[in-house]
Amino acid sequence: MSKSIELPGDKSISHRVAMLAALADNACTFTNFNTGADCQSTLECLCALGLEARHSGVFQRNPLRAPEQPLDCGNSGSTIRMLTGLLAGQQIPAILSGDLSLMKRPMKRIAEPLRQMGAVIELQNDEYAPIQLIEGTKQGIEYTLPVSSAQVKTAVLFAGLKFANTSVIEAIPSRDHTERLFEHLQIEPGPSVKIPAFSYIVPGDPSSAAFLIVAALFQKEEVLFRNILLNQHRTGFLRVLERAGASLRIVEERIQQNELVGDIQIQKDGLKEPIVITAEEVTGVIDEIPALTVAGMTYGFEVYGAKELRYKESDRITAMTSNLRTLGMKVEEWDDGYRVFPGKPRSARLRTFSDHRIAMAFLAAGFAVDDPECVTISFPEFFYLLNKIIS
């Protein structure tokens, strides 16, 4: 008999529905909204702008206003980038800041397209937060992303809600939750754009599930992950695991609010082959690479074209390779990736670099870390569900 696991709501979708609720013409109601610190940062910023968020899951929109203080986006790149776009489109001046980690992450990538749309934006050293939004957008654009990024794409689409000619071109498609929400809510960008009040059941977060799925692969019982978001741009890690020999299957697939949702059943056979991630695959598995790395330690792991890992909550290439060396693994590192040679790791206490995904990856593999509490940024329920799987 398999164990059954329910995941908290998807983080990416939770950010987006909350921001759209701030523009809706009446109260919105959400079920299974993500409970992590990043999504809480989004809610707190929106409340400072006039949204009323209640514990019952009801989000009452009030007329948005310029905040009296800088908006604290915490550790959340999704919050600061997408919210900047939304505020630019609504002509609401603001200063957006965050913690020390967020202040080191690149923000010029959203400033450039918003400036092309007529926004006036100032950055620290023209690259980093705090972001000072002085004037909002004045026109729509067709923008080609130089680096695939769903956050930048969403910032442009939010900024262009009042302009029917706004579009984003991607060389490599990124997650498309914003476009699916627009379609689901029948949002037609233009001068008279209207966002109706809506209810939304947030499906389980596949990026969070990835860490628990890695843990489940090496257990003696089958594990069933229920009601998981199966958007094609979010399940690349499952295809990578299957290619390496993992026994898993998708059951009870269905369309829910214009997104594919279903259950993931994990068998108990582990992996049988090395894991190799090509540059073309990176965009679809970027958040799951730490989990896939620890899954591949026994047979080997390689990733190419993943320089974006260096600009996450930590430099995840350095964070992973340094910890793997601490475990006695042979590792090669280059600018946009790394290779882990097959081996058996020794016991050691590892560094999280205050990065929730680094922490969860090694915790899922049974290692001790110096800062386990950092997982609450995205996944407060992690320890409870991990214990449920391994007990």
Protein backbone atom coordinates (compact mmCIF):
# COMPACT_ATOMS: atom_id res chain seq x y z
CA MET A 1 0.00 0.00 0.00
CA SER A 2 1.46 3.37 -0.99
CA LYS A 3 1.89 6.41 1.21
CA SER A 4 -0.12 9.45 0.12
CA ILE A 5 1.32 12.98 0.13
CA GLU A 6 -0.50 16.29 -0.44
CA LEU A 7 1.73 19.24 -1.38
CA PRO A 8 1.14 22.92 -0.57
CA GLY A 9 0.00 25.15 -3.41
CA ASP A 10 2.32 25.97 -6.28
CA LYS A 11 4.47 28.97 -5.49
CA SER A 12 4.60 30.39 -9.02
CA ILE A 13 0.83 30.33 -9.43
CA SER A 14 0.22 31.69 -5.92
CA HIS A 15 2.32 34.79 -6.65
CA ARG A 16 0.43 35.42 -9.88
CA VAL A 17 -3.13 34.92 -8.66
CA ALA A 18 -2.48 37.21 -5.68
CA MET A 19 -1.16 39.97 -7.94
CA LEU A 20 -4.11 39.63 -10.31
CA ALA A 21 -6.49 39.68 -7.33
CA ALA A 22 -5.09 43.13 -6.50
CA LEU A 23 -6.49 44.31 -9.84
CA ALA A 24 -9.77 42.35 -9.84
CA ASP A 25 -13.11 44.14 -9.72
CA ASN A 26 -14.22 42.34 -6.54
CA ALA A 27 -13.10 39.88 -3.88
CA CYS A 28 -11.20 36.73 -4.95
CA THR A 29 -11.05 33.44 -3.04
CA PHE A 30 -8.09 31.03 -3.08
CA THR A 31 -7.73 27.47 -1.81
CA ASN A 32 -4.32 25.91 -1.02
CA PHE A 33 -2.44 29.20 -1.45
CA ASN A 34 1.27 28.65 -0.89
CA THR A 35 2.32 29.12 2.74
CA GLY A 36 6.01 29.88 2.21
CA ALA A 37 7.79 33.10 3.11
CA ASP A 38 8.19 34.15 -0.54
CA CYS A 39 4.43 34.20 -1.17
CA GLN A 40 3.92 35.88 2.18
CA SER A 41 6.25 38.62 0.96
CA THR A 42 3.98 39.09 -2.06
CA LEU A 43 0.90 39.32 0.19
CA GLU A 44 2.54 41.82 2.54
CA CYS A 45 3.59 44.02 -0.38
CA LEU A 46 0.09 43.88 -1.85
CA CYS A 47 -1.46 44.74 1.51
CA ALA A 48 0.82 47.78 1.69
CA LEU A 49 -0.68 48.75 -1.68
CA GLY A 50 -4.30 48.36 -0.55
CA LEU A 51 -5.17 44.66 -0.93
CA GLU A 52 -6.98 43.13 2.05
CA ALA A 53 -5.90 39.52 2.54
CA ARG A 54 -7.78 37.42 5.08
CA HIS A 55 -6.85 34.08 6.63
CA SER A 56 -9.99 32.54 5.11
CA GLY A 57 -8.40 32.85 1.67
CA VAL A 58 -10.48 35.87 0.62
CA PHE A 59 -8.58 38.67 -1.10
CA GLN A 60 -10.53 41.92 -1.22
CA ARG A 61 -9.29 44.47 -3.69
CA ASN A 62 -9.26 48.13 -2.67
CA PRO A 63 -8.05 50.92 -4.96
CA LEU A 64 -4.28 50.48 -5.19
CA ARG A 65 -2.24 53.31 -3.74
CA ALA A 66 1.40 54.29 -3.67
CA PRO A 67 3.04 52.69 -0.62
CA GLU A 68 4.13 54.91 2.24
CA GLN A 69 7.32 52.90 2.78
CA PRO A 70 9.61 50.83 0.53
CA LEU A 71 8.08 47.45 -0.28
CA ASP A 72 10.02 44.64 1.38
CA CYS A 73 10.11 41.68 -1.01
CA GLY A 74 12.14 39.56 1.41
CA ASN A 75 14.05 36.84 -0.44
CA SER A 76 11.59 36.60 -3.32
CA GLY A 77 12.80 37.29 -6.86
CA SER A 78 9.29 36.52 -8.13
CA THR A 79 7.80 39.20 -5.89
CA ILE A 80 10.19 42.00 -6.76
CA ARG A 81 10.34 41.37 -10.51
CA MET A 82 6.69 40.64 -11.25
CA LEU A 83 5.37 43.26 -8.85
CA THR A 84 7.57 45.92 -10.44
CA GLY A 85 5.91 45.15 -13.77
CA LEU A 86 2.43 45.23 -12.29
CA LEU A 87 3.02 48.58 -10.56
CA ALA A 88 4.60 50.06 -13.69
CA GLY A 89 1.49 49.17 -15.65
CA GLN A 90 -0.76 50.74 -13.03
CA GLN A 91 1.28 53.98 -12.86
CA ILE A 92 2.02 53.49 -9.15
CA PRO A 93 5.43 54.80 -8.02
CA ALA A 94 7.23 52.70 -5.44
CA ILE A 95 10.56 51.56 -4.07
CA LEU A 96 11.02 47.78 -3.95
CA SER A 97 13.76 46.23 -1.86
CA GLY A 98 14.55 42.96 -0.08
CA ASP A 99 17.06 41.02 1.98
CA LEU A 100 20.81 40.92 1.36
CA SER A 101 20.52 37.92 -0.97
CA LEU A 102 17.84 39.56 -3.11
CA MET A 103 19.89 42.77 -3.31
CA LYS A 104 22.63 40.79 -5.10
CA ARG A 105 20.35 39.37 -7.81
CA PRO A 106 20.19 40.98 -11.28
CA MET A 107 17.30 43.41 -11.85
CA LYS A 108 18.39 45.16 -15.03
CA ARG A 109 16.72 42.33 -16.93
CA ILE A 110 13.30 43.72 -15.96
CA ALA A 111 14.29 47.40 -16.04
CA GLU A 112 15.30 47.25 -19.71
CA PRO A 113 11.94 46.17 -21.20
CA LEU A 114 9.97 48.38 -18.80
CA ARG A 115 12.09 51.36 -19.83
CA GLN A 116 11.31 50.53 -23.47
CA MET A 117 7.65 50.76 -22.45
CA GLY A 118 8.23 54.28 -21.11
CA ALA A 119 8.77 53.54 -17.42
CA VAL A 120 11.31 55.53 -15.44
CA ILE A 121 13.28 53.15 -13.21
CA GLU A 122 16.44 53.57 -11.17
CA LEU A 123 18.59 50.71 -9.90
CA GLN A 124 21.57 50.49 -7.60
CA ASN A 125 24.59 50.64 -9.97
CA ASP A 126 22.02 50.24 -12.77
CA GLU A 127 21.83 46.52 -11.93
CA TYR A 128 20.58 45.73 -8.44
CA ALA A 129 17.75 46.48 -6.01
CA PRO A 130 16.46 48.62 -4.52
CA ILE A 131 14.29 49.31 -7.55
CA GLN A 132 12.90 52.82 -7.64
CA LEU A 133 9.89 53.02 -9.96
CA ILE A 134 9.31 56.70 -10.64
CA GLU A 135 6.96 56.63 -13.63
CA GLY A 136 4.96 53.79 -15.13
CA THR A 137 4.62 52.41 -18.65
CA LYS A 138 3.20 54.46 -21.52
CA GLN A 139 3.12 51.97 -24.41
CA GLY A 140 3.14 48.31 -25.27
CA ILE A 141 6.06 46.55 -26.93
CA GLU A 142 7.04 43.31 -28.59
CA TYR A 143 9.97 42.17 -26.47
CA THR A 144 12.44 39.38 -27.20
CA LEU A 145 13.88 37.88 -24.02
CA PRO A 146 17.70 37.74 -24.14
CA VAL A 147 17.60 35.08 -21.38
CA SER A 148 14.62 32.81 -20.85
CA SER A 149 12.84 33.98 -17.69
CA ALA A 150 9.20 33.53 -16.69
CA GLN A 151 9.60 36.31 -14.11
CA VAL A 152 10.73 38.85 -16.71
CA LYS A 153 8.07 37.68 -19.16
CA THR A 154 5.38 38.12 -16.51
CA ALA A 155 6.69 41.55 -15.52
CA VAL A 156 6.31 42.69 -19.15
CA LEU A 157 2.86 41.13 -19.54
CA PHE A 158 1.64 42.67 -16.27
CA ALA A 159 3.10 46.05 -17.27
CA GLY A 160 1.34 45.82 -20.61
CA LEU A 161 -2.15 44.96 -19.38
CA LYS A 162 -3.47 48.31 -20.65
CA PHE A 163 -1.78 47.93 -24.06
CA ALA A 164 -3.21 45.42 -26.51
CA ASN A 165 0.04 45.19 -28.51
CA THR A 166 2.26 43.86 -25.70
CA SER A 167 3.92 40.50 -26.38
CA VAL A 168 7.02 38.55 -25.39
CA ILE A 169 9.12 36.35 -27.68
CA GLU A 170 11.18 33.51 -26.17
CA ALA A 171 13.89 31.45 -27.84
CA ILE A 172 13.33 28.74 -25.22
CA PRO A 173 9.79 28.66 -23.75
CA SER A 174 9.58 29.29 -20.01
CA ARG A 175 6.73 28.41 -17.67
CA ASP A 176 3.50 29.83 -19.03
CA HIS A 177 1.27 30.26 -15.96
CA THR A 178 0.65 33.94 -16.67
CA GLU A 179 -0.60 33.28 -20.19
CA ARG A 180 -2.77 30.42 -18.94
CA LEU A 181 -4.27 32.65 -16.23
CA PHE A 182 -5.03 35.37 -18.78
CA GLU A 183 -6.79 32.79 -20.93
CA HIS A 184 -8.62 31.18 -17.99
CA LEU A 185 -9.87 34.55 -16.70
CA GLN A 186 -10.54 35.82 -20.24
CA ILE A 187 -8.28 38.83 -19.69
CA GLU A 188 -7.93 40.87 -22.88
CA PRO A 189 -5.15 43.48 -22.53
CA GLY A 190 -6.11 46.93 -23.74
CA PRO A 191 -7.24 50.37 -22.47
CA SER A 192 -10.49 48.91 -21.08
CA VAL A 193 -8.95 45.73 -19.65
CA LYS A 194 -11.05 44.11 -16.96
CA ILE A 195 -10.03 41.45 -14.47
CA PRO A 196 -13.08 39.69 -13.03
CA ALA A 197 -13.33 38.47 -9.45
CA PHE A 198 -12.34 34.82 -9.40
CA SER A 199 -11.84 31.76 -7.23
CA TYR A 200 -8.82 29.53 -7.68
CA ILE A 201 -7.72 26.17 -6.28
CA VAL A 202 -3.90 26.20 -6.36
CA PRO A 203 -2.52 22.75 -7.35
CA GLY A 204 0.42 21.20 -5.51
CA ASP A 205 3.86 22.64 -6.23
CA PRO A 206 5.92 20.31 -8.47
CA SER A 207 9.19 22.11 -7.69
CA SER A 208 8.66 21.41 -4.00
CA ALA A 209 7.55 17.86 -4.78
CA ALA A 210 10.83 17.20 -6.63
CA PHE A 211 12.83 17.11 -3.39
CA LEU A 212 10.40 14.68 -1.75
CA ILE A 213 10.23 12.57 -4.93
CA VAL A 214 14.02 12.15 -4.77
CA ALA A 215 13.65 10.99 -1.16
CA ALA A 216 10.82 8.64 -2.17
CA LEU A 217 12.88 6.98 -4.91
CA PHE A 218 15.03 5.26 -2.32
CA GLN A 219 12.31 4.12 0.11
CA LYS A 220 10.87 0.64 0.58
CA GLU A 221 7.29 1.69 -0.12
CA GLU A 222 5.54 3.34 -3.04
CA VAL A 223 4.61 7.00 -2.53
CA LEU A 224 1.68 8.75 -4.21
CA PHE A 225 1.90 12.53 -4.63
CA ARG A 226 -1.64 13.82 -5.10
CA ASN A 227 -3.03 16.84 -6.97
CA ILE A 228 0.30 18.03 -8.39
CA LEU A 229 0.61 20.67 -11.11
CA LEU A 230 1.74 18.88 -14.29
CA ASN A 231 2.30 21.86 -16.59
CA GLN A 232 4.72 20.71 -19.30
CA HIS A 233 7.19 23.46 -18.37
CA ARG A 234 7.29 22.22 -14.76
CA THR A 235 7.68 18.45 -15.17
CA GLY A 236 11.00 18.30 -17.00
CA PHE A 237 12.58 16.85 -13.85
CA LEU A 238 10.24 13.84 -14.08
CA ARG A 239 11.40 13.17 -17.63
CA VAL A 240 15.02 13.43 -16.50
CA LEU A 241 14.41 10.94 -13.67
CA GLU A 242 12.61 8.52 -16.00
CA ARG A 243 15.53 8.67 -18.43
CA ALA A 244 17.84 7.69 -15.57
CA GLY A 245 15.69 4.66 -14.77
CA ALA A 246 13.25 5.93 -12.14
CA SER A 247 9.99 3.99 -11.93
CA LEU A 248 7.16 6.50 -11.84
CA ARG A 249 3.81 7.02 -13.48
CA ILE A 250 1.21 9.75 -13.77
CA VAL A 251 -2.38 8.87 -12.82
CA GLU A 252 -5.69 10.74 -12.60
CA GLU A 253 -4.68 13.45 -15.08
CA ARG A 254 -7.21 16.26 -15.53
CA ILE A 255 -7.49 19.89 -16.62
CA GLN A 256 -8.12 22.22 -13.68
CA GLN A 257 -8.44 25.97 -14.34
CA ASN A 258 -6.54 25.69 -17.62
CA GLU A 259 -3.64 23.77 -16.03
CA LEU A 260 -2.88 20.05 -16.17
CA VAL A 261 -3.09 18.43 -12.72
CA GLY A 262 -2.68 14.82 -11.60
CA ASP A 263 -1.09 12.33 -9.21
CA ILE A 264 2.51 11.08 -9.40
CA GLN A 265 3.16 7.52 -8.24
CA ILE A 266 6.77 6.74 -7.29
CA GLN A 267 7.98 3.14 -7.20
CA LYS A 268 10.80 1.94 -4.93
CA ASP A 269 13.47 0.98 -7.46
CA GLY A 270 15.76 4.03 -7.37
CA LEU A 271 17.82 5.05 -10.42
CA LYS A 272 19.79 2.88 -12.82
CA GLU A 273 21.65 5.37 -15.07
CA PRO A 274 23.59 8.66 -14.78
CA ILE A 275 21.64 11.92 -14.99
CA VAL A 276 22.65 14.25 -17.82
CA ILE A 277 20.90 17.60 -18.32
CA THR A 278 21.52 19.40 -21.61
CA ALA A 279 21.51 23.16 -22.12
CA GLU A 280 18.17 22.87 -23.96
CA GLU A 281 16.58 21.26 -20.91
CA VAL A 282 17.85 23.66 -18.26
CA THR A 283 15.01 26.21 -18.40
CA GLY A 284 12.47 23.50 -17.65
CA VAL A 285 14.35 22.07 -14.64
CA ILE A 286 16.21 25.09 -13.26
CA ASP A 287 14.64 24.93 -9.78
CA GLU A 288 15.01 21.16 -9.50
CA ILE A 289 18.70 20.86 -10.42
CA PRO A 290 19.87 20.64 -6.77
CA ALA A 291 17.43 17.77 -6.17
CA LEU A 292 18.45 16.01 -9.38
CA THR A 293 22.11 16.39 -8.42
CA VAL A 294 21.76 14.45 -5.17
CA ALA A 295 19.60 11.87 -6.94
CA GLY A 296 22.45 11.28 -9.37
CA MET A 297 25.33 10.91 -6.94
CA THR A 298 25.48 7.10 -7.16
CA TYR A 299 25.62 6.83 -10.96
CA GLY A 300 26.84 10.32 -11.85
CA PHE A 301 25.39 13.71 -12.75
CA GLU A 302 26.14 16.35 -15.42
CA VAL A 303 24.50 19.68 -16.29
CA TYR A 304 25.37 22.12 -19.10
CA GLY A 305 24.17 25.60 -20.03
CA ALA A 306 23.01 26.42 -16.50
CA LYS A 307 24.79 29.72 -15.77
CA GLU A 308 21.47 31.08 -14.44
CA LEU A 309 22.10 28.91 -11.36
CA ARG A 310 24.75 31.42 -10.31
CA TYR A 311 22.08 34.15 -9.93
CA LYS A 312 19.60 32.38 -7.68
CA GLU A 313 19.26 32.76 -3.89
CA SER A 314 22.86 31.58 -3.83
CA ASP A 315 25.40 30.71 -6.50
CA ARG A 316 23.96 27.22 -6.76
CA ILE A 317 26.79 25.87 -8.88
CA THR A 318 29.32 26.79 -6.20
CA ALA A 319 26.97 25.74 -3.39
CA MET A 320 26.40 22.27 -4.84
CA THR A 321 29.96 21.55 -5.93
CA SER A 322 31.54 22.72 -2.67
CA ASN A 323 29.16 20.57 -0.62
CA LEU A 324 29.72 17.57 -2.86
CA ARG A 325 33.46 17.90 -2.37
CA THR A 326 32.83 18.00 1.39
CA LEU A 327 31.07 14.67 0.93
CA GLY A 328 34.18 13.27 -0.73
CA MET A 329 32.71 13.23 -4.23
CA LYS A 330 34.86 13.92 -7.28
CA VAL A 331 33.48 17.02 -9.01
CA GLU A 332 34.36 19.12 -12.05
CA GLU A 333 32.97 22.67 -12.25
CA TRP A 334 32.78 25.13 -15.13
CA ASP A 335 31.12 28.48 -15.72
CA ASP A 336 27.69 27.16 -16.64
CA GLY A 337 27.58 23.69 -15.12
CA TYR A 338 29.32 20.83 -13.37
CA ARG A 339 29.91 17.07 -13.37
CA VAL A 340 29.66 14.71 -10.39
CA PHE A 341 31.44 11.42 -10.85
CA PRO A 342 29.77 8.24 -9.56
CA GLY A 343 30.57 7.45 -5.97
CA LYS A 344 29.40 6.87 -2.43
CA PRO A 345 29.27 10.03 -0.28
CA ARG A 346 30.57 10.08 3.26
CA SER A 347 28.72 11.67 6.17
CA ALA A 348 29.22 15.40 6.71
CA ARG A 349 27.43 18.53 7.86
CA LEU A 350 26.79 20.72 4.82
CA ARG A 351 26.30 24.42 4.15
CA THR A 352 22.97 25.71 2.85
CA PHE A 353 24.29 29.16 1.90
CA SER A 354 20.88 30.29 3.28
CA ASP A 355 19.32 28.79 0.13
CA HIS A 356 16.16 26.76 0.65
CA ARG A 357 16.69 24.53 -2.40
CA ILE A 358 20.26 23.66 -1.42
CA ALA A 359 19.00 22.75 2.05
CA MET A 360 16.10 20.62 0.80
CA ALA A 361 18.27 18.76 -1.71
CA PHE A 362 20.73 17.49 0.88
CA LEU A 363 18.10 16.97 3.59
CA ALA A 364 16.12 14.80 1.16
CA ALA A 365 19.25 12.65 0.73
CA GLY A 366 19.63 12.26 4.50
CA PHE A 367 22.46 14.72 5.19
CA ALA A 368 22.71 17.26 8.01
CA VAL A 369 22.85 20.96 7.12
CA ASP A 370 23.84 24.08 9.02
CA ASP A 371 20.63 26.08 8.46
CA PRO A 372 17.60 23.80 8.00
CA GLU A 373 15.19 26.61 8.91
CA CYS A 374 15.81 28.34 5.57
CA VAL A 375 13.46 25.87 3.87
CA THR A 376 10.52 27.87 5.24
CA ILE A 377 11.16 30.45 2.51
CA SER A 378 9.30 28.18 0.11
CA PHE A 379 8.17 25.06 1.97
CA PRO A 380 7.31 25.21 5.71
CA GLU A 381 5.68 21.74 5.50
CA PHE A 382 8.87 20.12 4.17
CA PHE A 383 10.03 18.37 7.37
CA TYR A 384 6.59 16.99 8.21
CA LEU A 385 6.16 15.52 4.72
CA LEU A 386 9.75 14.25 4.52
CA ASN A 387 9.30 12.41 7.81
CA LYS A 388 6.05 10.95 6.51
CA ILE A 389 7.94 9.54 3.51
CA ILE A 390 10.99 8.13 5.30
CA SER A 391 9.31 6.84 8.49
